């Protein structure tokens, strides 16, 4: 009986050892699966973070390009306005020069006319004086 009890006790101990070993293996497998899942999750998070960083960089680049385009458009508008102002200034200067030249020509014509009128008057007076003398 004692031998049977010892055999049963050994068998029970072996079954318990086997159960412990199996539980340990299962725990180890679970730990390994958890580690793999954690590694996968970390890799996914890193990939998501990398994608987000790329998207942010793209957005910043696009915003920078848009800002550069806006600045270029502003510079072109300023340049166009300056060119228009310079053209208007040039036209005004030409008009002023033409008006000044016309005024000078008108003044010269007026002086010439007055001189001619004075010469005619003097000639008329001279003729009248000669007739009077005769």
C-alpha atoms as a PDB file:
ATOM      1  CA  UNK A   1       0.000   0.000   0.000  1.00  0.00           C
ATOM      2  CA  UNK A   2       2.827   2.313   0.955  1.00  0.00           C
ATOM      3  CA  UNK A   3       4.551   1.630  -2.338  1.00  0.00           C
ATOM      4  CA  UNK A   4       1.310   2.371  -4.175  1.00  0.00           C
ATOM      5  CA  UNK A   5       0.869   5.584  -2.245  1.00  0.00           C
ATOM      6  CA  UNK A   6       4.450   6.595  -3.031  1.00  0.00           C
ATOM      7  CA  UNK A   7       3.910   5.753  -6.682  1.00  0.00           C
ATOM      8  CA  UNK A   8       0.657   7.749  -6.660  1.00  0.00           C
ATOM      9  CA  UNK A   9       2.444  10.594  -4.878  1.00  0.00           C
ATOM     10  CA  UNK A  10       5.290  10.514  -7.451  1.00  0.00           C
ATOM     11  CA  UNK A  11       2.780  10.372 -10.248  1.00  0.00           C
ATOM     12  CA  UNK A  12       0.946  13.334  -8.722  1.00  0.00           C
ATOM     13  CA  UNK A  13       4.253  15.219  -8.286  1.00  0.00           C
ATOM     14  CA  UNK A  14       5.227  14.413 -11.892  1.00  0.00           C
ATOM     15  CA  UNK A  15       1.792  15.572 -13.088  1.00  0.00           C
ATOM     16  CA  UNK A  16       2.163  18.756 -11.056  1.00  0.00           C
ATOM     17  CA  UNK A  17       5.702  19.256 -12.462  1.00  0.00           C
ATOM     18  CA  UNK A  18       4.380  18.649 -15.963  1.00  0.00           C
ATOM     19  CA  UNK A  19       1.514  21.074 -15.329  1.00  0.00           C
ATOM     20  CA  UNK A  20       4.005  23.668 -13.959  1.00  0.00           C
ATOM     21  CA  UNK A  21       6.289  23.172 -16.959  1.00  0.00           C
ATOM     22  CA  UNK A  22       3.338  23.406 -19.321  1.00  0.00           C
ATOM     23  CA  UNK A  23       2.059  26.531 -17.514  1.00  0.00           C
ATOM     24  CA  UNK A  24       5.569  27.989 -17.680  1.00  0.00           C
ATOM     25  CA  UNK A  25       5.787  27.208 -21.397  1.00  0.00           C
ATOM     26  CA  UNK A  26       2.350  28.709 -21.933  1.00  0.00           C
ATOM     27  CA  UNK A  27       3.328  31.775 -19.918  1.00  0.00           C
ATOM     28  CA  UNK A  28       6.556  32.031 -21.898  1.00  0.00           C
ATOM     29  CA  UNK A  29       4.618  31.654 -25.163  1.00  0.00           C
ATOM     30  CA  UNK A  30       2.139  34.267 -23.964  1.00  0.00           C
ATOM     31  CA  UNK A  31       4.998  36.583 -22.926  1.00  0.00           C
ATOM     32  CA  UNK A  32       6.623  36.033 -26.330  1.00  0.00           C
ATOM     33  CA  UNK A  33       3.305  36.744 -28.085  1.00  0.00           C
ATOM     34  CA  UNK A  34       2.818  39.831 -25.916  1.00  0.00           C
ATOM     35  CA  UNK A  35       6.368  40.995 -26.720  1.00  0.00           C
ATOM     36  CA  UNK A  36       5.751  40.429 -30.431  1.00  0.00           C
ATOM     37  CA  UNK A  37       2.426  42.283 -30.188  1.00  0.00           C
ATOM     38  CA  UNK A  38       4.119  45.115 -28.303  1.00  0.00           C
ATOM     39  CA  UNK A  39       6.903  45.212 -30.920  1.00  0.00           C
ATOM     40  CA  UNK A  40       4.310  45.254 -33.720  1.00  0.00           C
ATOM     41  CA  UNK A  41       2.371  48.012 -31.962  1.00  0.00           C
ATOM     42  CA  UNK A  42       5.557  50.038 -31.459  1.00  0.00           C
ATOM     43  CA  UNK A  43       6.509  49.554 -35.126  1.00  0.00           C
ATOM     44  CA  UNK A  44       3.008  50.622 -36.184  1.00  0.00           C
ATOM     45  CA  UNK A  45       3.187  53.680 -33.922  1.00  0.00           C
ATOM     46  CA  UNK A  46       6.627  54.561 -35.302  1.00  0.00           C
ATOM     47  CA  UNK A  47       5.325  54.161 -38.874  1.00  0.00           C
ATOM     48  CA  UNK A  48       2.285  56.315 -38.057  1.00  0.00           C
ATOM     49  CA  UNK A  49       4.575  58.889 -36.470  1.00  0.00           C
ATOM     50  CA  UNK A  50       6.875  58.827 -39.535  1.00  0.00           C
ATOM     51  CA  UNK A  51       3.882  59.239 -41.874  1.00  0.00           C
ATOM     52  CA  UNK A  52       2.527  62.093 -39.751  1.00  0.00           C
ATOM     53  CA  UNK A  53       5.942  63.790 -39.764  1.00  0.00           C
ATOM     54  CA  UNK A  54       6.126  63.414 -43.555  1.00  0.00           C
ATOM     55  CA  UNK A  55       2.613  64.834 -43.929  1.00  0.00           C
ATOM     56  CA  UNK A  56       3.510  67.759 -41.661  1.00  0.00           C
ATOM     57  CA  UNK A  57       6.715  68.344 -43.627  1.00  0.00           C
ATOM     58  CA  UNK A  58       4.730  68.227 -46.882  1.00  0.00           C
ATOM     59  CA  UNK A  59       2.167  70.645 -45.436  1.00  0.00           C
ATOM     60  CA  UNK A  60       4.944  72.987 -44.284  1.00  0.00           C
ATOM     61  CA  UNK A  61       6.613  72.770 -47.681  1.00  0.00           C
ATOM     62  CA  UNK A  62       3.294  73.445 -49.431  1.00  0.00           C
ATOM     63  CA  UNK A  63       2.618  76.369 -47.086  1.00  0.00           C
ATOM     64  CA  UNK A  64       6.122  77.652 -47.775  1.00  0.00           C
ATOM     65  CA  UNK A  65       5.583  77.331 -51.511  1.00  0.00           C
ATOM     66  CA  UNK A  66       2.236  79.105 -51.213  1.00  0.00           C
ATOM     67  CA  UNK A  67       3.849  81.884 -49.161  1.00  0.00           C
ATOM     68  CA  UNK A  68       6.649  82.187 -51.711  1.00  0.00           C
ATOM     69  CA  UNK A  69       4.082  82.359 -54.524  1.00  0.00           C
ATOM     70  CA  UNK A  70       2.097  84.988 -52.590  1.00  0.00           C
ATOM     71  CA  UNK A  71       5.239  87.045 -51.994  1.00  0.00           C
ATOM     72  CA  UNK A  72       6.223  86.731 -55.651  1.00  0.00           C
ATOM     73  CA  UNK A  73       2.739  87.857 -56.704  1.00  0.00           C
ATOM     74  CA  UNK A  74       2.987  90.823 -54.316  1.00  0.00           C
ATOM     75  CA  UNK A  75       6.428  91.719 -55.688  1.00  0.00           C
ATOM     76  CA  UNK A  76       5.131  91.455 -59.248  1.00  0.00           C
ATOM     77  CA  UNK A  77       2.153  93.677 -58.333  1.00  0.00           C
ATOM     78  CA  UNK A  78       4.478  96.246 -56.733  1.00  0.00           C
ATOM     79  CA  UNK A  79       6.741  96.087 -59.787  1.00  0.00           C
ATOM     80  CA  UNK A  80       3.759  96.482 -62.133  1.00  0.00           C
ATOM     81  CA  UNK A  81       2.441  99.466 -60.158  1.00  0.00           C
ATOM     82  CA  UNK A  82       5.903 101.038 -60.149  1.00  0.00           C
ATOM     83  CA  UNK A  83       6.168 100.535 -63.920  1.00  0.00           C
ATOM     84  CA  UNK A  84       2.709 102.101 -64.368  1.00  0.00           C
ATOM     85  CA  UNK A  85       3.686 105.046 -62.162  1.00  0.00           C
ATOM     86  CA  UNK A  86       6.946 105.500 -64.081  1.00  0.00           C
ATOM     87  CA  UNK A  87       5.043 105.369 -67.394  1.00  0.00           C
ATOM     88  CA  UNK A  88       2.502 107.910 -66.114  1.00  0.00           C
ATOM     89  CA  UNK A  89       5.347 110.116 -64.868  1.00  0.00           C
ATOM     90  CA  UNK A  90       7.124 109.828 -68.234  1.00  0.00           C
ATOM     91  CA  UNK A  91       3.926 110.718 -70.118  1.00  0.00           C
ATOM     92  CA  UNK A  92       3.327 113.704 -67.825  1.00  0.00           C
ATOM     93  CA  UNK A  93       6.898 114.872 -68.347  1.00  0.00           C
ATOM     94  CA  UNK A  94       6.415 114.570 -72.125  1.00  0.00           C
ATOM     95  CA  UNK A  95       3.112 116.460 -71.909  1.00  0.00           C
ATOM     96  CA  UNK A  96       4.695 119.140 -69.713  1.00  0.00           C
ATOM     97  CA  UNK A  97       7.617 119.448 -72.138  1.00  0.00           C
ATOM     98  CA  UNK A  98       5.222 119.670 -75.096  1.00  0.00           C
ATOM     99  CA  UNK A  99       3.100 122.284 -73.271  1.00  0.00           C
ATOM    100  CA  UNK A 100       6.234 124.290 -72.403  1.00  0.00           C
ATOM    101  CA  UNK A 101       7.452 124.121 -76.005  1.00  0.00           C
ATOM    102  CA  UNK A 102       4.026 125.210 -77.296  1.00  0.00           C
ATOM    103  CA  UNK A 103       3.954 128.073 -74.783  1.00  0.00           C
ATOM    104  CA  UNK A 104       7.436 129.145 -75.915  1.00  0.00           C
ATOM    105  CA  UNK A 105       6.376 128.910 -79.581  1.00  0.00           C
ATOM    106  CA  UNK A 106       3.187 130.866 -78.826  1.00  0.00           C
ATOM    107  CA  UNK A 107       5.235 133.517 -76.989  1.00  0.00           C
ATOM    108  CA  UNK A 108       7.714 133.716 -79.882  1.00  0.00           C
ATOM    109  CA  UNK A 109       4.841 134.037 -82.371  1.00  0.00           C
ATOM    110  CA  UNK A 110       3.199 136.737 -80.211  1.00  0.00           C
ATOM    111  CA  UNK A 111       6.476 138.679 -79.990  1.00  0.00           C
ATOM    112  CA  UNK A 112       7.035 138.305 -83.740  1.00  0.00           C
ATOM    113  CA  UNK A 113       3.452 139.430 -84.406  1.00  0.00           C
ATOM    114  CA  UNK A 114       3.890 142.452 -82.100  1.00  0.00           C
ATOM    115  CA  UNK A 115       7.195 143.305 -83.779  1.00  0.00           C
ATOM    116  CA  UNK A 116       5.557 143.024 -87.214  1.00  0.00           C
ATOM    117  CA  UNK A 117       2.642 145.174 -86.023  1.00  0.00           C
ATOM    118  CA  UNK A 118       5.066 147.734 -84.606  1.00  0.00           C
ATOM    119  CA  UNK A 119       7.038 147.704 -87.869  1.00  0.00           C
ATOM    120  CA  UNK A 120       3.817 148.190 -89.884  1.00  0.00           C
ATOM    121  CA  UNK A 121       2.763 150.997 -87.578  1.00  0.00           C
ATOM    122  CA  UNK A 122       6.172 152.616 -87.896  1.00  0.00           C
ATOM    123  CA  UNK A 123       6.112 152.148 -91.686  1.00  0.00           C
ATOM    124  CA  UNK A 124       2.592 153.630 -91.778  1.00  0.00           C
ATOM    125  CA  UNK A 125       3.719 156.556 -89.645  1.00  0.00           C
ATOM    126  CA  UNK A 126       6.785 156.984 -91.829  1.00  0.00           C
ATOM    127  CA  UNK A 127       4.649 156.905 -94.916  1.00  0.00           C
ATOM    128  CA  UNK A 128       2.219 159.394 -93.370  1.00  0.00           C
ATOM    129  CA  UNK A 129       5.109 161.668 -92.386  1.00  0.00           C
ATOM    130  CA  UNK A 130       6.552 161.521 -95.900  1.00  0.00           C
ATOM    131  CA  UNK A 131       3.181 162.278 -97.399  1.00  0.00           C
ATOM    132  CA  UNK A 132       2.793 165.114 -94.973  1.00  0.00           C
ATOM    133  CA  UNK A 133       6.167 166.449 -95.983  1.00  0.00           C
ATOM    134  CA  UNK A 134       5.351 166.201 -99.643  1.00  0.00           C
END
